[in-house]
N, C-alpha and C. Protein backbone atom coordinates (compact mmCIF):
# COMPACT_ATOMS: atom_id res chain seq x y z
N MET A 1 -3.56 27.33 43.42
CA MET A 1 -3.74 27.09 41.74
C MET A 1 -2.50 27.59 41.21
N LYS A 2 -2.27 28.57 41.42
CA LYS A 2 -1.28 29.45 40.27
C LYS A 2 -0.05 29.17 40.45
N ASP A 3 0.22 28.54 41.78
CA ASP A 3 1.80 27.80 41.82
C ASP A 3 1.91 26.44 41.19
N ARG A 4 0.48 25.79 40.93
CA ARG A 4 0.65 24.60 40.33
C ARG A 4 0.70 24.68 38.81
N LEU A 5 -0.22 26.00 38.36
CA LEU A 5 -0.15 26.32 36.86
C LEU A 5 1.54 26.72 36.64
N ALA A 6 1.92 27.51 37.45
CA ALA A 6 3.20 27.75 36.95
C ALA A 6 4.11 26.79 36.86
N ALA A 7 4.30 25.66 38.03
CA ALA A 7 5.21 24.83 37.89
C ALA A 7 4.44 23.98 36.80
N ALA A 8 3.50 23.39 36.60
CA ALA A 8 3.11 22.91 35.03
C ALA A 8 3.57 23.23 33.91
N ASN A 9 3.81 25.00 34.00
CA ASN A 9 4.08 25.52 32.42
C ASN A 9 5.96 25.74 32.58
N GLU A 10 6.53 25.38 33.50
CA GLU A 10 7.65 25.08 33.25
C GLU A 10 8.21 23.66 33.13
N TRP A 11 7.31 22.78 33.28
CA TRP A 11 7.45 21.55 32.60
C TRP A 11 6.47 21.47 30.92
N PHE A 12 5.87 22.27 30.91
CA PHE A 12 5.67 22.51 29.10
C PHE A 12 6.48 23.34 28.73
N GLU A 13 7.67 24.16 29.28
CA GLU A 13 8.41 25.02 28.53
C GLU A 13 9.49 24.17 27.90
N ARG A 14 9.90 23.26 28.78
CA ARG A 14 11.06 22.25 28.62
C ARG A 14 10.61 21.26 27.59
N GLY A 15 9.37 20.78 27.82
CA GLY A 15 8.60 20.01 26.61
C GLY A 15 8.45 20.43 25.40
N ASP A 16 8.33 21.75 25.28
CA ASP A 16 8.21 22.39 24.09
C ASP A 16 9.80 22.73 23.37
N ARG A 17 10.78 22.45 24.27
CA ARG A 17 12.07 22.80 23.63
C ARG A 17 12.39 21.39 22.78
N ASP A 18 12.02 20.04 23.77
CA ASP A 18 12.27 18.86 23.10
C ASP A 18 11.40 18.67 22.01
N PHE A 19 10.05 19.20 21.79
CA PHE A 19 9.09 19.26 20.65
C PHE A 19 9.87 19.80 19.30
N ASP A 20 10.22 21.17 20.01
CA ASP A 20 10.42 21.92 18.65
C ASP A 20 12.20 21.29 18.38
N ALA A 21 13.16 20.65 18.94
CA ALA A 21 14.02 20.17 18.69
C ALA A 21 13.75 18.88 17.74
N ALA A 22 12.84 18.33 17.78
CA ALA A 22 12.38 17.03 17.20
C ALA A 22 12.00 17.56 15.77
N GLN A 23 11.05 18.53 15.71
CA GLN A 23 10.71 18.98 14.52
C GLN A 23 11.61 19.51 13.95
N LEU A 24 12.57 20.32 14.19
CA LEU A 24 13.75 20.91 13.51
C LEU A 24 14.64 20.00 13.42
N LEU A 25 14.94 19.17 13.57
CA LEU A 25 15.56 17.85 13.11
C LEU A 25 15.09 16.87 11.76
N ASN A 26 14.04 16.69 12.29
CA ASN A 26 12.91 16.29 11.29
C ASN A 26 13.13 16.99 9.88
N ASP A 27 13.32 18.44 9.84
CA ASP A 27 13.00 18.98 9.00
C ASP A 27 14.28 19.16 8.18
N GLU A 28 15.27 18.91 8.96
CA GLU A 28 16.75 19.04 8.60
C GLU A 28 17.50 17.31 8.03
N HIS A 29 16.29 16.60 8.26
CA HIS A 29 16.49 15.18 7.84
C HIS A 29 17.58 14.56 8.76
N PHE A 30 17.86 14.75 9.71
CA PHE A 30 18.64 14.35 10.79
C PHE A 30 18.33 13.18 11.30
N TYR A 31 18.96 12.22 12.04
CA TYR A 31 18.84 11.13 12.45
C TYR A 31 17.54 10.77 13.16
N THR A 32 16.99 9.69 12.35
CA THR A 32 15.59 9.63 13.11
C THR A 32 15.51 9.11 14.65
N ASP A 33 16.48 8.47 14.82
CA ASP A 33 16.78 7.86 16.35
C ASP A 33 16.83 8.84 17.24
N VAL A 34 17.50 10.18 16.77
CA VAL A 34 17.70 11.33 17.89
C VAL A 34 16.16 12.31 17.66
N ILE A 35 15.48 12.42 16.94
CA ILE A 35 14.13 12.61 16.89
C ILE A 35 13.27 11.80 17.69
N ALA A 36 13.52 10.83 17.77
CA ALA A 36 12.34 9.94 18.55
C ALA A 36 12.63 9.94 20.09
N VAL A 37 13.90 10.18 20.50
CA VAL A 37 14.32 10.16 21.90
C VAL A 37 13.67 11.69 22.28
N HIS A 38 14.17 13.05 21.08
CA HIS A 38 13.02 14.15 21.81
C HIS A 38 11.67 14.25 21.76
N LEU A 39 11.07 13.24 21.26
CA LEU A 39 9.39 13.16 21.13
C LEU A 39 9.22 12.40 22.49
N GLN A 40 9.78 11.24 22.75
CA GLN A 40 9.87 10.89 24.03
C GLN A 40 9.81 12.08 25.16
N GLN A 41 11.01 12.54 25.02
CA GLN A 41 11.17 13.48 26.22
C GLN A 41 9.87 14.70 26.26
N ALA A 42 9.71 15.01 25.10
CA ALA A 42 8.44 16.20 24.97
C ALA A 42 7.34 15.22 25.37
N ILE A 43 6.83 14.39 25.36
CA ILE A 43 5.62 13.34 26.01
C ILE A 43 5.86 13.69 27.26
N GLU A 44 6.76 13.16 27.74
CA GLU A 44 6.94 12.85 29.12
C GLU A 44 6.82 14.04 30.09
N LYS A 45 7.58 14.93 29.35
CA LYS A 45 7.69 16.49 29.97
C LYS A 45 5.72 16.96 30.49
N TYR A 46 5.44 16.37 29.14
CA TYR A 46 3.86 17.53 29.23
C TYR A 46 3.05 16.69 29.78
N LEU A 47 3.45 15.13 30.06
CA LEU A 47 2.24 14.57 31.02
C LEU A 47 2.56 14.65 32.11
N LYS A 48 4.08 14.89 32.64
CA LYS A 48 4.26 15.01 34.18
C LYS A 48 4.11 16.65 34.31
N GLY A 49 4.04 17.68 33.55
CA GLY A 49 3.38 18.91 33.69
C GLY A 49 1.80 18.85 34.35
N PHE A 50 1.21 17.84 32.83
CA PHE A 50 -0.28 17.59 33.58
C PHE A 50 -0.65 17.06 35.26
N LEU A 51 0.20 16.25 35.48
CA LEU A 51 0.17 15.60 36.69
C LEU A 51 0.25 16.78 37.66
N VAL A 52 1.46 17.63 37.36
CA VAL A 52 1.60 18.80 38.50
C VAL A 52 0.84 19.55 38.44
N LEU A 53 0.03 20.04 37.60
CA LEU A 53 -0.95 20.73 37.44
C LEU A 53 -2.00 20.46 38.27
N HIS A 54 -2.47 19.20 38.50
CA HIS A 54 -3.49 18.59 39.16
C HIS A 54 -2.91 18.12 40.76
N GLY A 55 -1.98 18.64 41.12
CA GLY A 55 -1.51 18.20 42.35
C GLY A 55 -0.80 16.96 42.39
N ILE A 56 -0.55 15.92 41.49
CA ILE A 56 0.13 14.96 41.37
C ILE A 56 1.63 14.95 41.55
N LYS A 57 2.62 14.43 42.17
CA LYS A 57 3.76 14.42 42.01
C LYS A 57 4.41 13.19 41.06
N PRO A 58 4.96 13.91 39.92
CA PRO A 58 5.32 12.58 38.87
C PRO A 58 5.92 11.83 39.28
N PRO A 59 6.34 10.49 39.12
CA PRO A 59 6.79 9.58 39.49
C PRO A 59 8.56 10.17 38.60
N ARG A 60 9.26 9.52 39.39
CA ARG A 60 10.53 9.48 38.58
C ARG A 60 10.75 8.54 37.44
N ILE A 61 10.00 8.43 36.42
CA ILE A 61 10.25 7.47 35.25
C ILE A 61 10.19 8.06 34.19
N HIS A 62 10.70 6.88 33.41
CA HIS A 62 10.55 7.72 31.68
C HIS A 62 9.55 6.83 30.78
N ASP A 63 8.53 5.88 31.43
CA ASP A 63 7.41 4.79 31.11
C ASP A 63 6.31 5.89 30.75
N LEU A 64 5.90 6.29 29.36
CA LEU A 64 5.01 7.06 28.79
C LEU A 64 3.34 6.42 29.40
N ASP A 65 3.31 5.34 29.20
CA ASP A 65 2.14 4.51 29.11
C ASP A 65 1.80 4.62 30.71
N VAL A 66 2.79 4.31 31.73
CA VAL A 66 2.20 4.51 33.23
C VAL A 66 1.79 6.17 33.08
N LEU A 67 2.74 7.22 32.66
CA LEU A 67 2.42 8.30 32.98
C LEU A 67 0.73 8.71 32.54
N LEU A 68 0.40 8.36 31.46
CA LEU A 68 -0.73 8.35 30.53
C LEU A 68 -1.75 7.85 31.24
N ASN A 69 -1.64 6.59 32.19
CA ASN A 69 -2.50 5.68 32.82
C ASN A 69 -2.87 7.00 33.87
N ARG A 70 -1.92 7.50 34.64
CA ARG A 70 -1.81 8.25 35.86
C ARG A 70 -2.91 9.81 35.32
N ALA A 71 -2.30 10.36 34.06
CA ALA A 71 -3.09 11.62 33.66
C ALA A 71 -4.31 10.91 33.19
N SER A 72 -4.96 9.93 33.00
CA SER A 72 -5.98 9.59 32.09
C SER A 72 -7.03 9.44 33.34
N GLU A 73 -6.38 9.08 34.55
CA GLU A 73 -7.50 9.19 35.82
C GLU A 73 -8.03 10.30 35.87
N ILE A 74 -7.31 11.40 35.72
CA ILE A 74 -8.06 12.80 35.66
C ILE A 74 -8.75 12.97 34.62
N ALA A 75 -8.57 12.75 33.65
CA ALA A 75 -8.99 13.01 32.28
C ALA A 75 -8.70 11.99 30.97
N PRO A 76 -9.81 10.72 31.30
CA PRO A 76 -10.11 9.60 30.62
C PRO A 76 -9.87 9.64 29.31
N ASP A 77 -10.36 10.73 28.40
CA ASP A 77 -10.24 10.83 27.45
C ASP A 77 -9.00 10.96 26.58
N LEU A 78 -8.09 11.11 27.56
CA LEU A 78 -6.65 11.22 27.12
C LEU A 78 -6.05 9.86 26.28
N TYR A 79 -6.83 8.60 27.00
CA TYR A 79 -6.19 7.39 27.12
C TYR A 79 -6.02 6.70 25.48
N GLU A 80 -7.27 6.46 25.16
CA GLU A 80 -7.27 5.69 23.76
C GLU A 80 -6.70 6.65 22.68
N PRO A 81 -6.47 7.89 22.63
CA PRO A 81 -5.74 8.04 21.36
C PRO A 81 -4.40 8.17 21.52
N PHE A 82 -3.93 8.00 22.62
CA PHE A 82 -2.76 8.32 22.88
C PHE A 82 -1.65 7.41 23.29
N ILE A 83 -2.64 6.06 23.90
CA ILE A 83 -1.74 5.04 24.09
C ILE A 83 -0.63 4.32 23.55
N ASP A 84 -0.82 4.19 22.05
CA ASP A 84 -0.26 3.43 20.89
C ASP A 84 1.34 4.30 20.97
N LEU A 85 0.75 5.66 20.88
CA LEU A 85 1.80 6.51 21.01
C LEU A 85 2.97 6.75 21.91
N CYS A 86 2.48 6.54 23.17
CA CYS A 86 3.08 6.54 24.69
C CYS A 86 4.00 5.31 24.87
N GLU A 87 3.13 4.22 24.22
CA GLU A 87 3.99 2.92 24.31
C GLU A 87 5.16 2.95 23.32
N LYS A 88 5.07 3.37 21.99
CA LYS A 88 5.88 3.31 21.21
C LYS A 88 7.30 4.37 21.57
N ALA A 89 6.67 5.33 21.75
CA ALA A 89 7.95 6.46 22.46
C ALA A 89 8.54 5.97 23.61
N THR A 90 7.88 5.09 24.25
CA THR A 90 8.82 4.82 25.59
C THR A 90 9.61 3.52 25.02
N ARG A 91 9.37 2.91 24.08
CA ARG A 91 10.27 2.07 23.44
C ARG A 91 11.26 2.52 22.61
N TYR A 92 11.11 3.63 22.02
CA TYR A 92 12.14 4.84 21.12
C TYR A 92 13.53 5.18 22.24
N TYR A 93 12.75 5.43 23.42
CA TYR A 93 13.68 6.35 24.56
C TYR A 93 14.60 4.96 24.69
N LEU A 94 13.99 4.10 25.21
CA LEU A 94 14.93 2.81 25.79
C LEU A 94 15.60 2.41 24.60
N ASP A 95 15.40 2.09 23.39
CA ASP A 95 16.10 1.56 22.46
C ASP A 95 17.26 2.33 21.91
N GLU A 96 17.02 3.56 21.92
CA GLU A 96 18.04 4.38 21.57
C GLU A 96 18.97 4.95 22.66
N ARG A 97 18.58 4.94 23.90
CA ARG A 97 19.67 5.46 24.96
C ARG A 97 20.51 4.91 25.30
N TYR A 98 20.44 3.06 25.34
CA TYR A 98 21.05 2.26 26.01
C TYR A 98 21.43 1.17 24.87
N PRO A 99 22.55 0.90 25.16
CA PRO A 99 23.37 -0.19 24.32
C PRO A 99 22.72 -1.27 24.58
N PRO A 100 23.12 -2.62 23.85
CA PRO A 100 23.76 -2.70 22.91
C PRO A 100 23.23 -2.58 21.92
N GLY A 101 23.74 -2.67 20.65
CA GLY A 101 23.33 -2.98 19.57
C GLY A 101 23.49 -1.20 18.80
N PRO A 102 23.41 -1.07 17.44
CA PRO A 102 23.89 -0.15 16.95
C PRO A 102 22.48 0.92 16.83
N PRO A 103 22.64 1.96 16.76
CA PRO A 103 21.14 2.94 16.89
C PRO A 103 20.37 2.55 15.68
N VAL A 104 18.91 2.71 16.15
CA VAL A 104 17.63 2.32 14.96
C VAL A 104 17.31 3.48 13.84
N GLU A 105 17.45 3.17 12.60
CA GLU A 105 17.02 4.27 11.81
C GLU A 105 15.57 3.60 11.72
N TYR A 106 14.80 4.88 11.99
CA TYR A 106 12.95 4.88 11.65
C TYR A 106 12.71 5.02 10.48
N SER A 107 11.51 4.81 9.75
CA SER A 107 11.12 5.55 8.74
C SER A 107 10.68 6.95 8.81
N ARG A 108 11.11 7.83 7.87
CA ARG A 108 10.69 9.14 7.58
C ARG A 108 9.11 9.31 7.95
N GLU A 109 8.62 8.72 7.54
CA GLU A 109 6.90 8.29 7.67
C GLU A 109 6.51 8.24 8.88
N GLU A 110 6.99 7.19 9.56
CA GLU A 110 7.12 6.60 10.98
C GLU A 110 7.26 7.81 11.75
N ILE A 111 8.20 8.48 11.72
CA ILE A 111 8.66 9.63 12.59
C ILE A 111 7.52 10.97 12.41
N GLY A 112 7.36 11.04 11.09
CA GLY A 112 6.51 12.30 10.79
C GLY A 112 5.00 12.02 11.57
N ALA A 113 4.81 10.92 11.20
CA ALA A 113 3.52 10.59 12.27
C ALA A 113 3.16 10.48 13.26
N ASP A 114 4.61 10.26 14.36
CA ASP A 114 4.68 10.73 15.48
C ASP A 114 4.76 11.55 15.72
N LEU A 115 5.17 12.72 15.05
CA LEU A 115 5.21 14.24 15.13
C LEU A 115 4.32 14.66 15.35
N ASP A 116 3.12 14.13 14.52
CA ASP A 116 1.80 15.02 14.17
C ASP A 116 0.83 14.31 15.59
N LEU A 117 1.20 13.10 16.04
CA LEU A 117 0.27 12.40 16.74
C LEU A 117 0.64 13.32 17.96
N THR A 118 1.84 13.17 18.20
CA THR A 118 2.88 14.46 19.67
C THR A 118 1.98 15.55 19.52
N TRP A 119 1.92 16.16 18.85
CA TRP A 119 1.77 17.47 18.56
C TRP A 119 0.12 17.78 18.89
N GLU A 120 -0.63 16.74 18.62
CA GLU A 120 -2.09 16.62 18.60
C GLU A 120 -2.26 16.48 20.29
N LEU A 121 -1.22 15.79 20.85
CA LEU A 121 -1.32 15.50 22.38
C LEU A 121 -0.76 16.77 23.20
N VAL A 122 0.14 17.59 22.67
CA VAL A 122 0.63 18.68 23.25
C VAL A 122 -0.43 19.78 23.32
N ARG A 123 -1.21 19.85 21.75
CA ARG A 123 -2.43 20.47 21.88
C ARG A 123 -3.45 20.36 22.81
N THR A 124 -3.83 19.04 22.83
CA THR A 124 -4.54 18.74 23.92
C THR A 124 -4.81 19.22 25.19
N LEU A 125 -3.50 18.80 25.74
CA LEU A 125 -3.25 19.33 27.00
C LEU A 125 -2.89 20.58 27.07
N ARG A 126 -2.23 21.33 26.50
CA ARG A 126 -2.62 22.49 26.59
C ARG A 126 -4.23 23.46 26.83
N GLU A 127 -4.52 22.72 25.58
CA GLU A 127 -6.53 23.04 25.92
C GLU A 127 -6.92 22.87 27.12
N MET A 128 -6.76 21.67 27.70
CA MET A 128 -6.81 21.25 29.28
C MET A 128 -6.33 22.57 30.53
N VAL A 129 -5.29 22.33 30.25
CA VAL A 129 -4.75 23.01 30.93
C VAL A 129 -5.28 24.97 31.00
N ARG A 130 -5.62 25.48 29.76
CA ARG A 130 -6.19 26.72 29.63
C ARG A 130 -7.31 26.52 30.49
N ARG A 131 -8.35 25.47 30.06
CA ARG A 131 -9.55 25.47 30.74
C ARG A 131 -9.44 25.60 32.29
N TYR A 132 -8.56 24.51 32.47
CA TYR A 132 -8.18 24.52 34.20
C TYR A 132 -8.07 25.92 34.53
N GLY A 133 -6.93 26.56 34.12
CA GLY A 133 -6.65 28.48 34.27
C GLY A 133 -7.66 28.92 34.80
N GLU A 134 -8.90 29.00 33.56
CA GLU A 134 -10.09 29.89 33.58
C GLU A 134 -11.10 29.58 34.97
N GLU A 135 -10.71 28.10 35.71
CA GLU A 135 -11.61 28.24 36.71
C GLU A 135 -11.56 28.92 37.93
């Protein structure tokens, strides 16, 4: 169990870096498309870390609703509050990473709300991991 907890924490540390980058870029009124990609990456790393914690090798994908579905098999309460965020963040990642077309500018309000919801997901997963570590 300690090995899985250590491996999961490595994923979470990387997710924290993406979340912190998104927050800093938002505070500095940077490009919202770049902030959106960092949000997607933070969510992806947290969900993959959660799967690793539970002995599941995470698939090599960026589709967050697939990852959330897998995580929800372990913790069903994750699905409903975060499925819309995961679907949206997956679109952010795909829309912004790959041409054709110019980068999309999202509203500051939309990105701010997504930052808040991402933070809620991170806190929820951290709490689940804390409880797991106490078992």
